[in-house]
Amino acid sequence: MTAILLDALVPIFAVMALGYFAGWMRDIDNRHVGELNALVMDFALPASLFAATAATPRAMLLAQLPLVTIFAASMLLLYGISFVMQRALFRLSAAEASVQALTVALPNYAAAGLPLITAVFGPAGTLYVALSIATGSVVLSPLTLAVLEATGAERSGTTGVMRAIGRSLCKPVVLGPLAGIALSLLGVSMPDAVGRSFELIGQTAGGVALFLTGLILSAQRMALSGNVWSGVLLKNAVHPVLAVLLLAAMPLDVEARRAAILLCALPSGFFGALFALRYGVDSSLAGSTLIVSSLASAVALPVALILT
């Protein structure tokens, strides 16, 4: 178990620390990282999600629909709880609330989930990670993008808001997994050269995103607050508990149940910080939550492994 946790968590912290160090040393400008953000959000990550979902056989995809339901329902519940807390309790704007809710509700599936699940279940566990990433990208990403786009279009009335929501659904990070799922359900196989091309650029997504996260955090001052601690509690403790409760009503085999709990016990992901950067929203809260949640996972993940 110790080896599994070290294999999964050490690379995550190492790459984030490398990005932080690069920004702290001013080797890379940590104030103007729009190009790196575009690389991750518009190219590498969509390619990775597309390749993972398109390569999944149709029968396997359909057989895991209950697992997809668990991922979607647990993340939406957590997102809703966090968003309401941000607005009603901490008095944040809709844009800031959506960024923090995304940070809390969307685990670090790509960078932390893949090595952890592969270490526990072997290569076959990759399917669970692909489905979790696709679900988060299809369910939470458009929701957050819609809020961020609509915030900038509020003065345009209902028409402006609807256009903003439409633009959010056309983002590469949303279209990538949707296109992959469509190909899988239709039984369409990509030529090997095409599939390898998407996989090649997609392989950079996790590492560059973690490096970029560290780079962004190096430009911020980490502030521990009640909002940060409440977010960490929701992510690291409440999320896996929600998964356990939802699993009671779902027909899944033992392996899939275990994978669902472990994936929901992962620390916060970096999407919130990246979206904040892209839309000019203060990312210090999301960054602080990301760091503390990742540190807290050193306790949460061993507990999840033992209980499953």
C-alpha atoms as a PDB file:
ATOM      1  CA  MET A   1       0.000   0.000   0.000  1.00  0.00           C
ATOM      2  CA  THR A   2       2.815   2.391   0.827  1.00  0.00           C
ATOM      3  CA  ALA A   3       4.424   1.725  -2.539  1.00  0.00           C
ATOM      4  CA  ILE A   4       1.120   2.387  -4.331  1.00  0.00           C
ATOM      5  CA  LEU A   5       0.653   5.707  -2.571  1.00  0.00           C
ATOM      6  CA  LEU A   6       4.231   6.775  -3.202  1.00  0.00           C
ATOM      7  CA  ASP A   7       3.991   5.837  -6.886  1.00  0.00           C
ATOM      8  CA  ALA A   8       0.763   7.816  -7.234  1.00  0.00           C
ATOM      9  CA  LEU A   9       1.398  10.902  -5.111  1.00  0.00           C
ATOM     10  CA  VAL A  10       5.142  11.602  -5.295  1.00  0.00           C
ATOM     11  CA  PRO A  11       5.150  12.356  -9.061  1.00  0.00           C
ATOM     12  CA  ILE A  12       2.177  14.719  -8.618  1.00  0.00           C
ATOM     13  CA  PHE A  13       3.872  16.782  -5.928  1.00  0.00           C
ATOM     14  CA  ALA A  14       7.231  16.600  -7.721  1.00  0.00           C
ATOM     15  CA  VAL A  15       5.918  18.075 -10.982  1.00  0.00           C
ATOM     16  CA  MET A  16       3.869  20.734  -9.174  1.00  0.00           C
ATOM     17  CA  ALA A  17       6.939  21.633  -7.117  1.00  0.00           C
ATOM     18  CA  LEU A  18       9.004  21.880 -10.291  1.00  0.00           C
ATOM     19  CA  GLY A  19       6.505  24.348 -11.762  1.00  0.00           C
ATOM     20  CA  TYR A  20       6.437  26.294  -8.493  1.00  0.00           C
ATOM     21  CA  PHE A  21      10.240  26.417  -8.417  1.00  0.00           C
ATOM     22  CA  ALA A  22      10.401  27.594 -12.049  1.00  0.00           C
ATOM     23  CA  GLY A  23       8.024  30.452 -11.239  1.00  0.00           C
ATOM     24  CA  TRP A  24       9.681  31.304  -7.937  1.00  0.00           C
ATOM     25  CA  MET A  25      13.093  31.509  -9.634  1.00  0.00           C
ATOM     26  CA  ARG A  26      11.531  33.590 -12.432  1.00  0.00           C
ATOM     27  CA  ASP A  27      12.938  31.106 -14.933  1.00  0.00           C
ATOM     28  CA  ILE A  28       9.424  31.207 -16.441  1.00  0.00           C
ATOM     29  CA  ASP A  29       7.105  34.191 -16.186  1.00  0.00           C
ATOM     30  CA  ASN A  30       4.443  33.093 -13.697  1.00  0.00           C
ATOM     31  CA  ARG A  31       2.240  36.115 -14.340  1.00  0.00           C
ATOM     32  CA  HIS A  32       1.649  35.570 -18.054  1.00  0.00           C
ATOM     33  CA  VAL A  33       0.983  31.888 -18.681  1.00  0.00           C
ATOM     34  CA  GLY A  34      -1.882  32.183 -21.171  1.00  0.00           C
ATOM     35  CA  GLU A  35      -0.011  30.260 -23.866  1.00  0.00           C
ATOM     36  CA  LEU A  36       0.670  27.295 -21.578  1.00  0.00           C
ATOM     37  CA  ASN A  37      -2.938  27.366 -20.427  1.00  0.00           C
ATOM     38  CA  ALA A  38      -4.139  27.278 -24.043  1.00  0.00           C
ATOM     39  CA  LEU A  39      -1.841  24.318 -24.735  1.00  0.00           C
ATOM     40  CA  VAL A  40      -3.408  22.338 -21.893  1.00  0.00           C
ATOM     41  CA  MET A  41      -7.068  23.374 -22.174  1.00  0.00           C
ATOM     42  CA  ASP A  42      -7.439  23.636 -25.953  1.00  0.00           C
ATOM     43  CA  PHE A  43      -5.091  20.946 -27.252  1.00  0.00           C
ATOM     44  CA  ALA A  44      -3.420  18.442 -24.913  1.00  0.00           C
ATOM     45  CA  LEU A  45      -6.288  17.690 -22.519  1.00  0.00           C
ATOM     46  CA  PRO A  46      -9.044  17.477 -25.192  1.00  0.00           C
ATOM     47  CA  ALA A  47      -6.798  15.147 -27.218  1.00  0.00           C
ATOM     48  CA  SER A  48      -6.184  12.951 -24.177  1.00  0.00           C
ATOM     49  CA  LEU A  49      -9.896  12.723 -23.352  1.00  0.00           C
ATOM     50  CA  PHE A  50     -10.813  12.020 -26.956  1.00  0.00           C
ATOM     51  CA  ALA A  51      -8.226   9.243 -27.298  1.00  0.00           C
ATOM     52  CA  ALA A  52      -9.232   7.586 -24.009  1.00  0.00           C
ATOM     53  CA  THR A  53     -12.974   7.513 -24.744  1.00  0.00           C
ATOM     54  CA  ALA A  54     -12.759   6.719 -28.458  1.00  0.00           C
ATOM     55  CA  ALA A  55     -10.561   3.683 -27.745  1.00  0.00           C
ATOM     56  CA  THR A  56     -13.081   2.207 -25.282  1.00  0.00           C
ATOM     57  CA  PRO A  57     -15.148  -0.626 -26.839  1.00  0.00           C
ATOM     58  CA  ARG A  58     -18.871   0.110 -27.081  1.00  0.00           C
ATOM     59  CA  ALA A  59     -19.891  -2.897 -24.956  1.00  0.00           C
ATOM     60  CA  MET A  60     -17.494  -1.915 -22.171  1.00  0.00           C
ATOM     61  CA  LEU A  61     -18.724   1.653 -22.262  1.00  0.00           C
ATOM     62  CA  LEU A  62     -22.387   0.639 -21.989  1.00  0.00           C
ATOM     63  CA  ALA A  63     -21.658  -1.878 -19.229  1.00  0.00           C
ATOM     64  CA  GLN A  64     -20.202   0.893 -17.065  1.00  0.00           C
ATOM     65  CA  LEU A  65     -23.172   3.269 -17.281  1.00  0.00           C
ATOM     66  CA  PRO A  66     -23.986   2.746 -13.558  1.00  0.00           C
ATOM     67  CA  LEU A  67     -20.418   3.783 -12.734  1.00  0.00           C
ATOM     68  CA  VAL A  68     -20.791   6.892 -14.899  1.00  0.00           C
ATOM     69  CA  THR A  69     -24.007   7.657 -13.005  1.00  0.00           C
ATOM     70  CA  ILE A  70     -22.119   7.449  -9.692  1.00  0.00           C
ATOM     71  CA  PHE A  71     -19.449   9.832 -10.927  1.00  0.00           C
ATOM     72  CA  ALA A  72     -21.948  12.314 -12.361  1.00  0.00           C
ATOM     73  CA  ALA A  73     -24.347  12.294  -9.406  1.00  0.00           C
ATOM     74  CA  SER A  74     -21.648  12.578  -6.723  1.00  0.00           C
ATOM     75  CA  MET A  75     -19.839  15.407  -8.517  1.00  0.00           C
ATOM     76  CA  LEU A  76     -23.036  17.340  -9.214  1.00  0.00           C
ATOM     77  CA  LEU A  77     -24.157  17.021  -5.592  1.00  0.00           C
ATOM     78  CA  LEU A  78     -20.778  18.206  -4.346  1.00  0.00           C
ATOM     79  CA  TYR A  79     -20.700  21.032  -6.893  1.00  0.00           C
ATOM     80  CA  GLY A  80     -24.153  22.215  -5.833  1.00  0.00           C
ATOM     81  CA  ILE A  81     -23.316  22.106  -2.123  1.00  0.00           C
ATOM     82  CA  SER A  82     -20.075  23.999  -2.639  1.00  0.00           C
ATOM     83  CA  PHE A  83     -21.596  26.601  -4.980  1.00  0.00           C
ATOM     84  CA  VAL A  84     -24.412  27.392  -2.537  1.00  0.00           C
ATOM     85  CA  MET A  85     -21.892  27.670   0.314  1.00  0.00           C
ATOM     86  CA  GLN A  86     -19.718  30.071  -1.682  1.00  0.00           C
ATOM     87  CA  ARG A  87     -22.650  32.310  -2.541  1.00  0.00           C
ATOM     88  CA  ALA A  88     -24.639  32.214   0.705  1.00  0.00           C
ATOM     89  CA  LEU A  89     -21.954  31.722   3.346  1.00  0.00           C
ATOM     90  CA  PHE A  90     -18.767  33.208   1.905  1.00  0.00           C
ATOM     91  CA  ARG A  91     -20.432  35.847  -0.312  1.00  0.00           C
ATOM     92  CA  LEU A  92     -18.389  35.163  -3.435  1.00  0.00           C
ATOM     93  CA  SER A  93     -19.447  36.226  -6.925  1.00  0.00           C
ATOM     94  CA  ALA A  94     -20.991  33.638  -9.236  1.00  0.00           C
ATOM     95  CA  ALA A  95     -17.747  33.349 -11.215  1.00  0.00           C
ATOM     96  CA  GLU A  96     -15.602  32.870  -8.097  1.00  0.00           C
ATOM     97  CA  ALA A  97     -18.130  30.427  -6.635  1.00  0.00           C
ATOM     98  CA  SER A  98     -18.159  28.338  -9.806  1.00  0.00           C
ATOM     99  CA  VAL A  99     -14.353  28.115  -9.861  1.00  0.00           C
ATOM    100  CA  GLN A 100     -14.193  27.006  -6.216  1.00  0.00           C
ATOM    101  CA  ALA A 101     -17.087  24.566  -6.694  1.00  0.00           C
ATOM    102  CA  LEU A 102     -15.254  23.007  -9.636  1.00  0.00           C
ATOM    103  CA  THR A 103     -12.069  22.743  -7.581  1.00  0.00           C
ATOM    104  CA  VAL A 104     -13.980  20.957  -4.819  1.00  0.00           C
ATOM    105  CA  ALA A 105     -16.170  18.705  -6.975  1.00  0.00           C
ATOM    106  CA  LEU A 106     -13.758  17.580  -9.715  1.00  0.00           C
ATOM    107  CA  PRO A 107     -11.014  15.257  -8.412  1.00  0.00           C
ATOM    108  CA  ASN A 108      -7.543  15.053  -9.901  1.00  0.00           C
ATOM    109  CA  TYR A 109      -8.535  12.125 -12.102  1.00  0.00           C
ATOM    110  CA  ALA A 110      -5.927  12.637 -14.814  1.00  0.00           C
ATOM    111  CA  ALA A 111      -2.729  13.158 -12.833  1.00  0.00           C
ATOM    112  CA  ALA A 112      -3.492  11.301  -9.578  1.00  0.00           C
ATOM    113  CA  GLY A 113      -6.217   8.855 -10.581  1.00  0.00           C
ATOM    114  CA  LEU A 114      -4.411   7.130 -13.429  1.00  0.00           C
ATOM    115  CA  PRO A 115      -1.291   6.049 -11.499  1.00  0.00           C
ATOM    116  CA  LEU A 116      -3.326   5.088  -8.421  1.00  0.00           C
ATOM    117  CA  ILE A 117      -5.915   2.991 -10.252  1.00  0.00           C
ATOM    118  CA  THR A 118      -3.300   1.367 -12.483  1.00  0.00           C
ATOM    119  CA  ALA A 119      -1.280   0.407  -9.426  1.00  0.00           C
ATOM    120  CA  VAL A 120      -4.344  -1.129  -7.736  1.00  0.00           C
ATOM    121  CA  PHE A 121      -6.150  -2.762 -10.687  1.00  0.00           C
ATOM    122  CA  GLY A 122      -3.494  -3.030 -13.386  1.00  0.00           C
ATOM    123  CA  PRO A 123      -3.854  -1.758 -16.976  1.00  0.00           C
ATOM    124  CA  ALA A 124      -7.535  -2.795 -17.079  1.00  0.00           C
ATOM    125  CA  GLY A 125      -8.295  -0.055 -14.554  1.00  0.00           C
ATOM    126  CA  THR A 126      -7.535   2.602 -17.175  1.00  0.00           C
ATOM    127  CA  LEU A 127     -11.167   2.348 -18.330  1.00  0.00           C
ATOM    128  CA  TYR A 128     -12.419   3.552 -14.928  1.00  0.00           C
ATOM    129  CA  VAL A 129     -10.151   6.595 -15.120  1.00  0.00           C
ATOM    130  CA  ALA A 130     -11.163   7.365 -18.714  1.00  0.00           C
ATOM    131  CA  LEU A 131     -14.846   7.267 -17.772  1.00  0.00           C
ATOM    132  CA  SER A 132     -14.310   9.472 -14.712  1.00  0.00           C
ATOM    133  CA  ILE A 133     -12.389  12.052 -16.756  1.00  0.00           C
ATOM    134  CA  ALA A 134     -14.983  12.028 -19.519  1.00  0.00           C
ATOM    135  CA  THR A 135     -17.852  12.366 -17.040  1.00  0.00           C
ATOM    136  CA  GLY A 136     -16.241  15.295 -15.265  1.00  0.00           C
ATOM    137  CA  SER A 137     -15.447  17.011 -18.549  1.00  0.00           C
ATOM    138  CA  VAL A 138     -18.936  16.517 -19.974  1.00  0.00           C
ATOM    139  CA  VAL A 139     -20.890  17.319 -16.787  1.00  0.00           C
ATOM    140  CA  LEU A 140     -18.919  19.834 -14.714  1.00  0.00           C
ATOM    141  CA  SER A 141     -16.791  21.615 -17.306  1.00  0.00           C
ATOM    142  CA  PRO A 142     -19.755  22.903 -19.369  1.00  0.00           C
ATOM    143  CA  LEU A 143     -21.587  23.884 -16.181  1.00  0.00           C
ATOM    144  CA  THR A 144     -18.660  25.964 -14.926  1.00  0.00           C
ATOM    145  CA  LEU A 145     -17.923  27.405 -18.352  1.00  0.00           C
ATOM    146  CA  ALA A 146     -21.572  28.406 -18.699  1.00  0.00           C
ATOM    147  CA  VAL A 147     -21.448  30.319 -15.393  1.00  0.00           C
ATOM    148  CA  LEU A 148     -18.167  32.007 -16.336  1.00  0.00           C
ATOM    149  CA  GLU A 149     -19.366  32.898 -19.825  1.00  0.00           C
ATOM    150  CA  ALA A 150     -22.765  34.044 -18.556  1.00  0.00           C
ATOM    151  CA  THR A 151     -21.140  36.259 -15.928  1.00  0.00           C
ATOM    152  CA  GLY A 152     -19.527  38.232 -18.690  1.00  0.00           C
ATOM    153  CA  ALA A 153     -22.762  38.326 -20.685  1.00  0.00           C
ATOM    154  CA  GLU A 154     -25.197  39.337 -17.928  1.00  0.00           C
ATOM    155  CA  ARG A 155     -25.643  42.817 -19.370  1.00  0.00           C
ATOM    156  CA  SER A 156     -26.726  41.330 -22.708  1.00  0.00           C
ATOM    157  CA  GLY A 157     -29.878  39.841 -21.210  1.00  0.00           C
ATOM    158  CA  THR A 158     -31.266  36.345 -21.776  1.00  0.00           C
ATOM    159  CA  THR A 159     -29.989  36.158 -25.356  1.00  0.00           C
ATOM    160  CA  GLY A 160     -26.447  36.941 -24.244  1.00  0.00           C
ATOM    161  CA  VAL A 161     -26.564  34.312 -21.508  1.00  0.00           C
ATOM    162  CA  MET A 162     -27.846  31.644 -23.911  1.00  0.00           C
ATOM    163  CA  ARG A 163     -25.104  32.471 -26.369  1.00  0.00           C
ATOM    164  CA  ALA A 164     -22.560  32.213 -23.568  1.00  0.00           C
ATOM    165  CA  ILE A 165     -23.843  28.772 -22.615  1.00  0.00           C
ATOM    166  CA  GLY A 166     -23.664  27.735 -26.262  1.00  0.00           C
ATOM    167  CA  ARG A 167     -20.052  28.909 -26.472  1.00  0.00           C
ATOM    168  CA  SER A 168     -19.188  26.929 -23.342  1.00  0.00           C
ATOM    169  CA  LEU A 169     -20.465  23.726 -24.970  1.00  0.00           C
ATOM    170  CA  CYS A 170     -18.222  24.339 -27.984  1.00  0.00           C
ATOM    171  CA  LYS A 171     -14.999  24.437 -25.988  1.00  0.00           C
ATOM    172  CA  PRO A 172     -12.418  21.774 -26.992  1.00  0.00           C
ATOM    173  CA  VAL A 173     -12.305  20.378 -23.450  1.00  0.00           C
ATOM    174  CA  VAL A 174     -16.023  19.556 -23.787  1.00  0.00           C
ATOM    175  CA  LEU A 175     -16.093  18.510 -27.435  1.00  0.00           C
ATOM    176  CA  GLY A 176     -13.100  16.156 -27.071  1.00  0.00           C
ATOM    177  CA  PRO A 177     -14.661  13.540 -24.776  1.00  0.00           C
ATOM    178  CA  LEU A 178     -18.094  13.947 -26.408  1.00  0.00           C
ATOM    179  CA  ALA A 179     -16.611  13.125 -29.802  1.00  0.00           C
ATOM    180  CA  GLY A 180     -14.757  10.139 -28.350  1.00  0.00           C
ATOM    181  CA  ILE A 181     -17.890   8.780 -26.690  1.00  0.00           C
ATOM    182  CA  ALA A 182     -19.827   9.209 -29.950  1.00  0.00           C
ATOM    183  CA  LEU A 183     -17.227   7.224 -31.909  1.00  0.00           C
ATOM    184  CA  SER A 184     -17.212   4.500 -29.272  1.00  0.00           C
ATOM    185  CA  LEU A 185     -21.020   4.160 -29.255  1.00  0.00           C
ATOM    186  CA  LEU A 186     -21.117   4.114 -33.071  1.00  0.00           C
ATOM    187  CA  GLY A 187     -18.444   1.428 -33.180  1.00  0.00           C
ATOM    188  CA  VAL A 188     -16.166   3.545 -35.351  1.00  0.00           C
ATOM    189  CA  SER A 189     -12.487   2.686 -35.115  1.00  0.00           C
ATOM    190  CA  MET A 190      -9.877   5.328 -35.813  1.00  0.00           C
ATOM    191  CA  PRO A 191      -6.866   4.482 -37.989  1.00  0.00           C
ATOM    192  CA  ASP A 192      -3.891   3.584 -35.816  1.00  0.00           C
ATOM    193  CA  ALA A 193      -1.872   6.563 -37.016  1.00  0.00           C
ATOM    194  CA  VAL A 194      -4.703   8.963 -36.079  1.00  0.00           C
ATOM    195  CA  GLY A 195      -5.189   7.388 -32.660  1.00  0.00           C
ATOM    196  CA  ARG A 196      -1.474   7.519 -31.892  1.00  0.00           C
ATOM    197  CA  SER A 197      -1.384  11.166 -32.968  1.00  0.00           C
ATOM    198  CA  PHE A 198      -4.045  12.113 -30.414  1.00  0.00           C
ATOM    199  CA  GLU A 199      -2.374   9.957 -27.761  1.00  0.00           C
ATOM    200  CA  LEU A 200       0.988  11.611 -28.415  1.00  0.00           C
ATOM    201  CA  ILE A 201      -0.220  15.151 -27.772  1.00  0.00           C
ATOM    202  CA  GLY A 202      -2.543  13.880 -25.029  1.00  0.00           C
ATOM    203  CA  GLN A 203       0.366  12.396 -23.091  1.00  0.00           C
ATOM    204  CA  THR A 204       1.565  15.899 -22.297  1.00  0.00           C
ATOM    205  CA  ALA A 205      -1.712  16.915 -20.626  1.00  0.00           C
ATOM    206  CA  GLY A 206      -1.182  15.611 -17.085  1.00  0.00           C
ATOM    207  CA  GLY A 207       2.447  16.684 -16.704  1.00  0.00           C
ATOM    208  CA  VAL A 208       2.065  20.121 -18.284  1.00  0.00           C
ATOM    209  CA  ALA A 209      -1.147  20.789 -16.343  1.00  0.00           C
ATOM    210  CA  LEU A 210       0.560  19.971 -13.041  1.00  0.00           C
ATOM    211  CA  PHE A 211       3.592  22.067 -13.989  1.00  0.00           C
ATOM    212  CA  LEU A 212       1.286  24.933 -14.961  1.00  0.00           C
ATOM    213  CA  THR A 213      -0.603  24.579 -11.674  1.00  0.00           C
ATOM    214  CA  GLY A 214       2.643  24.910  -9.725  1.00  0.00           C
ATOM    215  CA  LEU A 215       3.620  27.877 -11.895  1.00  0.00           C
ATOM    216  CA  ILE A 216       0.291  29.594 -11.165  1.00  0.00           C
ATOM    217  CA  LEU A 217       0.572  28.904  -7.440  1.00  0.00           C
ATOM    218  CA  SER A 218       4.071  30.412  -7.339  1.00  0.00           C
ATOM    219  CA  ALA A 219       2.519  33.765  -8.223  1.00  0.00           C
ATOM    220  CA  GLN A 220       0.026  33.561  -5.370  1.00  0.00           C
ATOM    221  CA  ARG A 221       0.084  33.742  -1.621  1.00  0.00           C
ATOM    222  CA  MET A 222      -1.449  30.655  -0.051  1.00  0.00           C
ATOM    223  CA  ALA A 223      -4.043  31.666   2.524  1.00  0.00           C
ATOM    224  CA  LEU A 224      -5.623  29.163   4.886  1.00  0.00           C
ATOM    225  CA  SER A 225      -9.208  30.089   5.697  1.00  0.00           C
ATOM    226  CA  GLY A 226     -12.504  28.550   6.702  1.00  0.00           C
ATOM    227  CA  ASN A 227     -13.439  28.426   3.039  1.00  0.00           C
ATOM    228  CA  VAL A 228     -10.317  26.418   2.174  1.00  0.00           C
ATOM    229  CA  TRP A 229     -10.803  23.980   5.058  1.00  0.00           C
ATOM    230  CA  SER A 230     -14.492  23.485   4.258  1.00  0.00           C
ATOM    231  CA  GLY A 231     -13.594  22.775   0.635  1.00  0.00           C
ATOM    232  CA  VAL A 232     -10.985  20.207   1.652  1.00  0.00           C
ATOM    233  CA  LEU A 233     -13.472  18.527   3.999  1.00  0.00           C
ATOM    234  CA  LEU A 234     -16.064  18.303   1.222  1.00  0.00           C
ATOM    235  CA  LYS A 235     -13.595  16.939  -1.301  1.00  0.00           C
ATOM    236  CA  ASN A 236     -11.527  14.512   0.747  1.00  0.00           C
ATOM    237  CA  ALA A 237     -14.201  13.224   3.148  1.00  0.00           C
ATOM    238  CA  VAL A 238     -17.713  13.969   1.922  1.00  0.00           C
ATOM    239  CA  HIS A 239     -17.157  13.006  -1.720  1.00  0.00           C
ATOM    240  CA  PRO A 240     -16.194   9.345  -1.085  1.00  0.00           C
ATOM    241  CA  VAL A 241     -19.032   9.067   1.444  1.00  0.00           C
ATOM    242  CA  LEU A 242     -21.487  10.289  -1.215  1.00  0.00           C
ATOM    243  CA  ALA A 243     -20.102   7.639  -3.568  1.00  0.00           C
ATOM    244  CA  VAL A 244     -20.657   4.901  -0.970  1.00  0.00           C
ATOM    245  CA  LEU A 245     -24.269   6.005  -0.438  1.00  0.00           C
ATOM    246  CA  LEU A 246     -24.987   6.126  -4.174  1.00  0.00           C
ATOM    247  CA  LEU A 247     -23.351   2.739  -4.752  1.00  0.00           C
ATOM    248  CA  ALA A 248     -25.956   1.128  -2.518  1.00  0.00           C
ATOM    249  CA  ALA A 249     -28.522   1.655  -5.283  1.00  0.00           C
ATOM    250  CA  MET A 250     -26.335   0.650  -8.253  1.00  0.00           C
ATOM    251  CA  PRO A 251     -25.713  -2.806  -9.766  1.00  0.00           C
ATOM    252  CA  LEU A 252     -21.919  -2.841  -9.984  1.00  0.00           C
ATOM    253  CA  ASP A 253     -19.310  -5.527  -9.431  1.00  0.00           C
ATOM    254  CA  VAL A 254     -16.938  -5.312  -6.487  1.00  0.00           C
ATOM    255  CA  GLU A 255     -14.001  -4.054  -8.542  1.00  0.00           C
ATOM    256  CA  ALA A 256     -15.990  -1.198 -10.077  1.00  0.00           C
ATOM    257  CA  ARG A 257     -17.354  -0.242  -6.644  1.00  0.00           C
ATOM    258  CA  ARG A 258     -13.878  -0.108  -5.206  1.00  0.00           C
ATOM    259  CA  ALA A 259     -12.651   1.982  -8.139  1.00  0.00           C
ATOM    260  CA  ALA A 260     -15.535   4.441  -7.705  1.00  0.00           C
ATOM    261  CA  ILE A 261     -14.722   5.022  -4.032  1.00  0.00           C
ATOM    262  CA  LEU A 262     -10.985   5.409  -4.656  1.00  0.00           C
ATOM    263  CA  LEU A 263     -11.524   7.854  -7.527  1.00  0.00           C
ATOM    264  CA  CYS A 264     -13.941   9.948  -5.480  1.00  0.00           C
ATOM    265  CA  ALA A 265     -11.412  10.019  -2.615  1.00  0.00           C
ATOM    266  CA  LEU A 266      -8.783  11.678  -4.832  1.00  0.00           C
ATOM    267  CA  PRO A 267      -7.690  15.234  -3.982  1.00  0.00           C
ATOM    268  CA  SER A 268      -8.929  18.313  -5.822  1.00  0.00           C
ATOM    269  CA  GLY A 269      -7.957  18.739  -9.449  1.00  0.00           C
ATOM    270  CA  PHE A 270      -6.402  21.699 -11.228  1.00  0.00           C
ATOM    271  CA  PHE A 271      -9.322  22.558 -13.538  1.00  0.00           C
ATOM    272  CA  GLY A 272     -10.561  25.275 -11.192  1.00  0.00           C
ATOM    273  CA  ALA A 273      -7.215  27.086 -11.181  1.00  0.00           C
ATOM    274  CA  LEU A 274      -6.914  26.774 -14.966  1.00  0.00           C
ATOM    275  CA  PHE A 275     -10.446  28.062 -15.592  1.00  0.00           C
ATOM    276  CA  ALA A 276      -9.826  30.939 -13.185  1.00  0.00           C
ATOM    277  CA  LEU A 277      -6.718  31.910 -15.104  1.00  0.00           C
ATOM    278  CA  ARG A 278      -8.511  31.688 -18.439  1.00  0.00           C
ATOM    279  CA  TYR A 279     -11.360  33.962 -17.335  1.00  0.00           C
ATOM    280  CA  GLY A 280      -9.426  36.407 -15.170  1.00  0.00           C
ATOM    281  CA  VAL A 281     -10.900  35.165 -11.873  1.00  0.00           C
ATOM    282  CA  ASP A 282      -8.824  35.239  -8.676  1.00  0.00           C
ATOM    283  CA  SER A 283      -7.380  31.730  -8.341  1.00  0.00           C
ATOM    284  CA  SER A 284      -5.810  32.038  -4.876  1.00  0.00           C
ATOM    285  CA  LEU A 285      -8.721  30.275  -3.159  1.00  0.00           C
ATOM    286  CA  ALA A 286      -8.737  27.437  -5.684  1.00  0.00           C
ATOM    287  CA  GLY A 287      -4.950  27.167  -5.485  1.00  0.00           C
ATOM    288  CA  SER A 288      -4.916  27.017  -1.698  1.00  0.00           C
ATOM    289  CA  THR A 289      -7.682  24.390  -1.722  1.00  0.00           C
ATOM    290  CA  LEU A 290      -5.754  22.356  -4.288  1.00  0.00           C
ATOM    291  CA  ILE A 291      -2.572  22.335  -2.196  1.00  0.00           C
ATOM    292  CA  VAL A 292      -4.239  21.518   1.132  1.00  0.00           C
ATOM    293  CA  SER A 293      -6.471  18.859  -0.449  1.00  0.00           C
ATOM    294  CA  SER A 294      -3.434  17.191  -2.054  1.00  0.00           C
ATOM    295  CA  LEU A 295      -1.610  17.162   1.283  1.00  0.00           C
ATOM    296  CA  ALA A 296      -4.713  15.811   3.060  1.00  0.00           C
ATOM    297  CA  SER A 297      -4.926  12.977   0.516  1.00  0.00           C
ATOM    298  CA  ALA A 298      -1.907  11.440   2.227  1.00  0.00           C
ATOM    299  CA  VAL A 299      -4.429  10.483   4.933  1.00  0.00           C
ATOM    300  CA  ALA A 300      -7.638  10.130   2.908  1.00  0.00           C
ATOM    301  CA  LEU A 301      -6.316   7.748   0.261  1.00  0.00           C
ATOM    302  CA  PRO A 302      -4.801   5.172   2.670  1.00  0.00           C
ATOM    303  CA  VAL A 303      -8.103   5.171   4.576  1.00  0.00           C
ATOM    304  CA  ALA A 304     -10.030   4.616   1.336  1.00  0.00           C
ATOM    305  CA  LEU A 305      -7.686   1.778   0.334  1.00  0.00           C
ATOM    306  CA  ILE A 306      -8.048   0.089   3.721  1.00  0.00           C
ATOM    307  CA  LEU A 307     -11.864   0.420   3.796  1.00  0.00           C
ATOM    308  CA  THR A 308     -12.209  -1.001   0.289  1.00  0.00           C
END
